[in-house]
Amino acid sequence: MRFSHGRVVGSEHTLAYSPNFISSQHSAIIYNSNFMVQAPLPVVRPYATAGLGFVYVRGNGLQAVTGAKFAVNYGGGVKVKLTGPLGAQLDARGYTVRSIDAQALHVLEVSVGLVFSF
């Protein structure tokens, strides 16, 4: 679930759950708070975003993996207004999560979703 605001400069906040994080033995709750800049165009709006957050990992095995981990993310995408308050969004982000088994974990996330504007 993602909430964002601001026509050109704004912020967005993401709360997510991953039932299989790193392996099927680990799950994660992910929270990010991002700064966002988007083009104020009427139909197609490209944007860039960067932010900080945390990943709380729990599960069995690999004790160095479990617990709260600091995360940085960056990326961009495009929002397309379809009709009325309905739109679509294509997004690509890179995540760096520190202290995963004494290393940094780098993840690429690509997503497609619906946007409701009000």
C-alpha atoms as a PDB file:
ATOM      1  CA  MET A   1       0.000   0.000   0.000  1.00  0.00           C
ATOM      2  CA  ARG A   2       1.430   3.376  -1.006  1.00  0.00           C
ATOM      3  CA  PHE A   3       0.190   6.874  -0.121  1.00  0.00           C
ATOM      4  CA  SER A   4       1.604   9.939  -1.872  1.00  0.00           C
ATOM      5  CA  HIS A   5       0.799  13.640  -2.071  1.00  0.00           C
ATOM      6  CA  GLY A   6       2.068  16.764  -3.832  1.00  0.00           C
ATOM      7  CA  ARG A   7       1.588  17.906  -7.427  1.00  0.00           C
ATOM      8  CA  VAL A   8       5.277  18.526  -8.302  1.00  0.00           C
ATOM      9  CA  VAL A   9       7.267  18.047  -5.089  1.00  0.00           C
ATOM     10  CA  GLY A  10       5.872  15.776  -2.423  1.00  0.00           C
ATOM     11  CA  SER A  11       6.379  12.681  -0.375  1.00  0.00           C
ATOM     12  CA  GLU A  12       5.141   9.135  -0.370  1.00  0.00           C
ATOM     13  CA  HIS A  13       4.990   6.439   2.250  1.00  0.00           C
ATOM     14  CA  THR A  14       4.992   2.698   1.628  1.00  0.00           C
ATOM     15  CA  LEU A  15       3.963  -0.120   3.971  1.00  0.00           C
ATOM     16  CA  ALA A  16       4.390  -3.654   2.609  1.00  0.00           C
ATOM     17  CA  TYR A  17       4.564  -7.284   3.702  1.00  0.00           C
ATOM     18  CA  SER A  18       6.703  -9.972   2.044  1.00  0.00           C
ATOM     19  CA  PRO A  19       5.835 -13.534   3.108  1.00  0.00           C
ATOM     20  CA  ASN A  20       9.035 -14.948   1.502  1.00  0.00           C
ATOM     21  CA  PHE A  21      11.869 -12.492   2.110  1.00  0.00           C
ATOM     22  CA  ILE A  22      15.310 -13.883   1.185  1.00  0.00           C
ATOM     23  CA  SER A  23      13.974 -17.425   1.632  1.00  0.00           C
ATOM     24  CA  SER A  24      10.720 -19.220   2.333  1.00  0.00           C
ATOM     25  CA  GLN A  25      11.759 -19.343   6.017  1.00  0.00           C
ATOM     26  CA  HIS A  26      11.713 -15.536   6.435  1.00  0.00           C
ATOM     27  CA  SER A  27       9.014 -12.882   6.188  1.00  0.00           C
ATOM     28  CA  ALA A  28       9.395  -9.099   6.300  1.00  0.00           C
ATOM     29  CA  ILE A  29       7.451  -5.935   7.053  1.00  0.00           C
ATOM     30  CA  ILE A  30       8.763  -3.024   4.978  1.00  0.00           C
ATOM     31  CA  TYR A  31       8.247   0.708   5.603  1.00  0.00           C
ATOM     32  CA  ASN A  32       9.683   3.548   3.502  1.00  0.00           C
ATOM     33  CA  SER A  33       9.225   7.308   3.548  1.00  0.00           C
ATOM     34  CA  ASN A  34      10.296   8.978   0.299  1.00  0.00           C
ATOM     35  CA  PHE A  35      10.834  12.401  -1.261  1.00  0.00           C
ATOM     36  CA  MET A  36       9.238  12.553  -4.728  1.00  0.00           C
ATOM     37  CA  VAL A  37       9.501  14.954  -7.703  1.00  0.00           C
ATOM     38  CA  GLN A  38       7.098  14.571 -10.633  1.00  0.00           C
ATOM     39  CA  ALA A  39       6.356  16.453 -13.851  1.00  0.00           C
ATOM     40  CA  PRO A  40       3.050  18.400 -13.613  1.00  0.00           C
ATOM     41  CA  LEU A  41       1.728  17.093 -16.943  1.00  0.00           C
ATOM     42  CA  PRO A  42      -2.002  16.434 -17.487  1.00  0.00           C
ATOM     43  CA  VAL A  43      -2.008  12.774 -18.592  1.00  0.00           C
ATOM     44  CA  VAL A  44       1.450  11.142 -18.324  1.00  0.00           C
ATOM     45  CA  ARG A  45       3.573  12.139 -15.297  1.00  0.00           C
ATOM     46  CA  PRO A  46       7.124  10.780 -14.975  1.00  0.00           C
ATOM     47  CA  TYR A  47       8.617  10.929 -11.478  1.00  0.00           C
ATOM     48  CA  ALA A  48      11.758  10.232  -9.466  1.00  0.00           C
ATOM     49  CA  THR A  49      11.870   9.221  -5.810  1.00  0.00           C
ATOM     50  CA  ALA A  50      14.390   8.462  -3.054  1.00  0.00           C
ATOM     51  CA  GLY A  51      13.974   7.684   0.606  1.00  0.00           C
ATOM     52  CA  LEU A  52      14.791   5.899   3.821  1.00  0.00           C
ATOM     53  CA  GLY A  53      13.052   3.198   5.779  1.00  0.00           C
ATOM     54  CA  PHE A  54      13.391  -0.108   7.526  1.00  0.00           C
ATOM     55  CA  VAL A  55      12.785  -3.780   6.943  1.00  0.00           C
ATOM     56  CA  TYR A  56      11.800  -5.916   9.923  1.00  0.00           C
ATOM     57  CA  VAL A  57      12.729  -9.537   9.162  1.00  0.00           C
ATOM     58  CA  ARG A  58      11.626 -12.566  11.139  1.00  0.00           C
ATOM     59  CA  GLY A  59      11.920 -16.293  10.593  1.00  0.00           C
ATOM     60  CA  ASN A  60      13.893 -19.444  11.317  1.00  0.00           C
ATOM     61  CA  GLY A  61      17.611 -19.979  10.790  1.00  0.00           C
ATOM     62  CA  LEU A  62      20.263 -17.398   9.897  1.00  0.00           C
ATOM     63  CA  GLN A  63      19.976 -15.380  13.117  1.00  0.00           C
ATOM     64  CA  ALA A  64      22.063 -12.584  11.544  1.00  0.00           C
ATOM     65  CA  VAL A  65      19.142 -11.944   9.175  1.00  0.00           C
ATOM     66  CA  THR A  66      16.341 -11.438  11.718  1.00  0.00           C
ATOM     67  CA  GLY A  67      15.478  -8.073  13.296  1.00  0.00           C
ATOM     68  CA  ALA A  68      15.068  -4.478  12.117  1.00  0.00           C
ATOM     69  CA  LYS A  69      17.319  -3.406   9.243  1.00  0.00           C
ATOM     70  CA  PHE A  70      17.965   0.099   7.853  1.00  0.00           C
ATOM     71  CA  ALA A  71      17.053   0.521   4.157  1.00  0.00           C
ATOM     72  CA  VAL A  72      17.645   3.091   1.413  1.00  0.00           C
ATOM     73  CA  ASN A  73      15.629   3.151  -1.817  1.00  0.00           C
ATOM     74  CA  TYR A  74      15.631   5.107  -5.076  1.00  0.00           C
ATOM     75  CA  GLY A  75      13.846   4.867  -8.380  1.00  0.00           C
ATOM     76  CA  GLY A  76      11.262   6.330 -10.662  1.00  0.00           C
ATOM     77  CA  GLY A  77       8.399   5.619 -12.936  1.00  0.00           C
ATOM     78  CA  VAL A  78       5.413   7.031 -14.697  1.00  0.00           C
ATOM     79  CA  LYS A  79       1.805   7.680 -13.665  1.00  0.00           C
ATOM     80  CA  VAL A  80      -0.878   7.734 -16.391  1.00  0.00           C
ATOM     81  CA  LYS A  81      -4.322   9.258 -15.851  1.00  0.00           C
ATOM     82  CA  LEU A  82      -6.935   6.930 -17.374  1.00  0.00           C
ATOM     83  CA  THR A  83     -10.389   8.315 -16.562  1.00  0.00           C
ATOM     84  CA  GLY A  84     -11.798  10.383 -13.707  1.00  0.00           C
ATOM     85  CA  PRO A  85      -9.882   9.588 -10.519  1.00  0.00           C
ATOM     86  CA  LEU A  86      -8.476   6.321 -11.947  1.00  0.00           C
ATOM     87  CA  GLY A  87      -4.936   5.941 -13.259  1.00  0.00           C
ATOM     88  CA  ALA A  88      -2.114   3.442 -13.675  1.00  0.00           C
ATOM     89  CA  GLN A  89       1.456   3.464 -12.402  1.00  0.00           C
ATOM     90  CA  LEU A  90       4.646   1.721 -13.562  1.00  0.00           C
ATOM     91  CA  ASP A  91       7.493   1.877 -11.050  1.00  0.00           C
ATOM     92  CA  ALA A  92      11.071   0.576 -10.741  1.00  0.00           C
ATOM     93  CA  ARG A  93      13.095   0.879  -7.517  1.00  0.00           C
ATOM     94  CA  GLY A  94      16.390  -0.207  -6.144  1.00  0.00           C
ATOM     95  CA  TYR A  95      16.691  -1.069  -2.452  1.00  0.00           C
ATOM     96  CA  THR A  96      19.793  -1.434  -0.316  1.00  0.00           C
ATOM     97  CA  VAL A  97      19.207  -3.159   3.023  1.00  0.00           C
ATOM     98  CA  ARG A  98      22.128  -3.109   5.467  1.00  0.00           C
ATOM     99  CA  SER A  99      23.237  -5.850   7.874  1.00  0.00           C
ATOM    100  CA  ILE A 100      21.775  -8.876   6.122  1.00  0.00           C
ATOM    101  CA  ASP A 101      24.096 -11.727   7.114  1.00  0.00           C
ATOM    102  CA  ALA A 102      26.978  -9.172   7.529  1.00  0.00           C
ATOM    103  CA  GLN A 103      26.435  -7.794   4.016  1.00  0.00           C
ATOM    104  CA  ALA A 104      24.264  -5.300   2.159  1.00  0.00           C
ATOM    105  CA  LEU A 105      21.341  -6.784   0.232  1.00  0.00           C
ATOM    106  CA  HIS A 106      20.535  -5.084  -3.100  1.00  0.00           C
ATOM    107  CA  VAL A 107      17.027  -5.627  -4.489  1.00  0.00           C
ATOM    108  CA  LEU A 108      15.342  -4.417  -7.696  1.00  0.00           C
ATOM    109  CA  GLU A 109      11.552  -4.053  -7.509  1.00  0.00           C
ATOM    110  CA  VAL A 110       9.377  -3.466 -10.570  1.00  0.00           C
ATOM    111  CA  SER A 111       5.663  -2.908 -10.007  1.00  0.00           C
ATOM    112  CA  VAL A 112       2.488  -1.998 -11.866  1.00  0.00           C
ATOM    113  CA  GLY A 113      -0.570  -0.695 -10.053  1.00  0.00           C
ATOM    114  CA  LEU A 114      -3.750   1.322 -10.021  1.00  0.00           C
ATOM    115  CA  VAL A 115      -3.782   4.934  -8.831  1.00  0.00           C
ATOM    116  CA  PHE A 116      -6.812   6.595  -7.234  1.00  0.00           C
ATOM    117  CA  SER A 117      -6.615  10.413  -7.151  1.00  0.00           C
ATOM    118  CA  PHE A 118      -8.750  12.557  -4.898  1.00  0.00           C
END
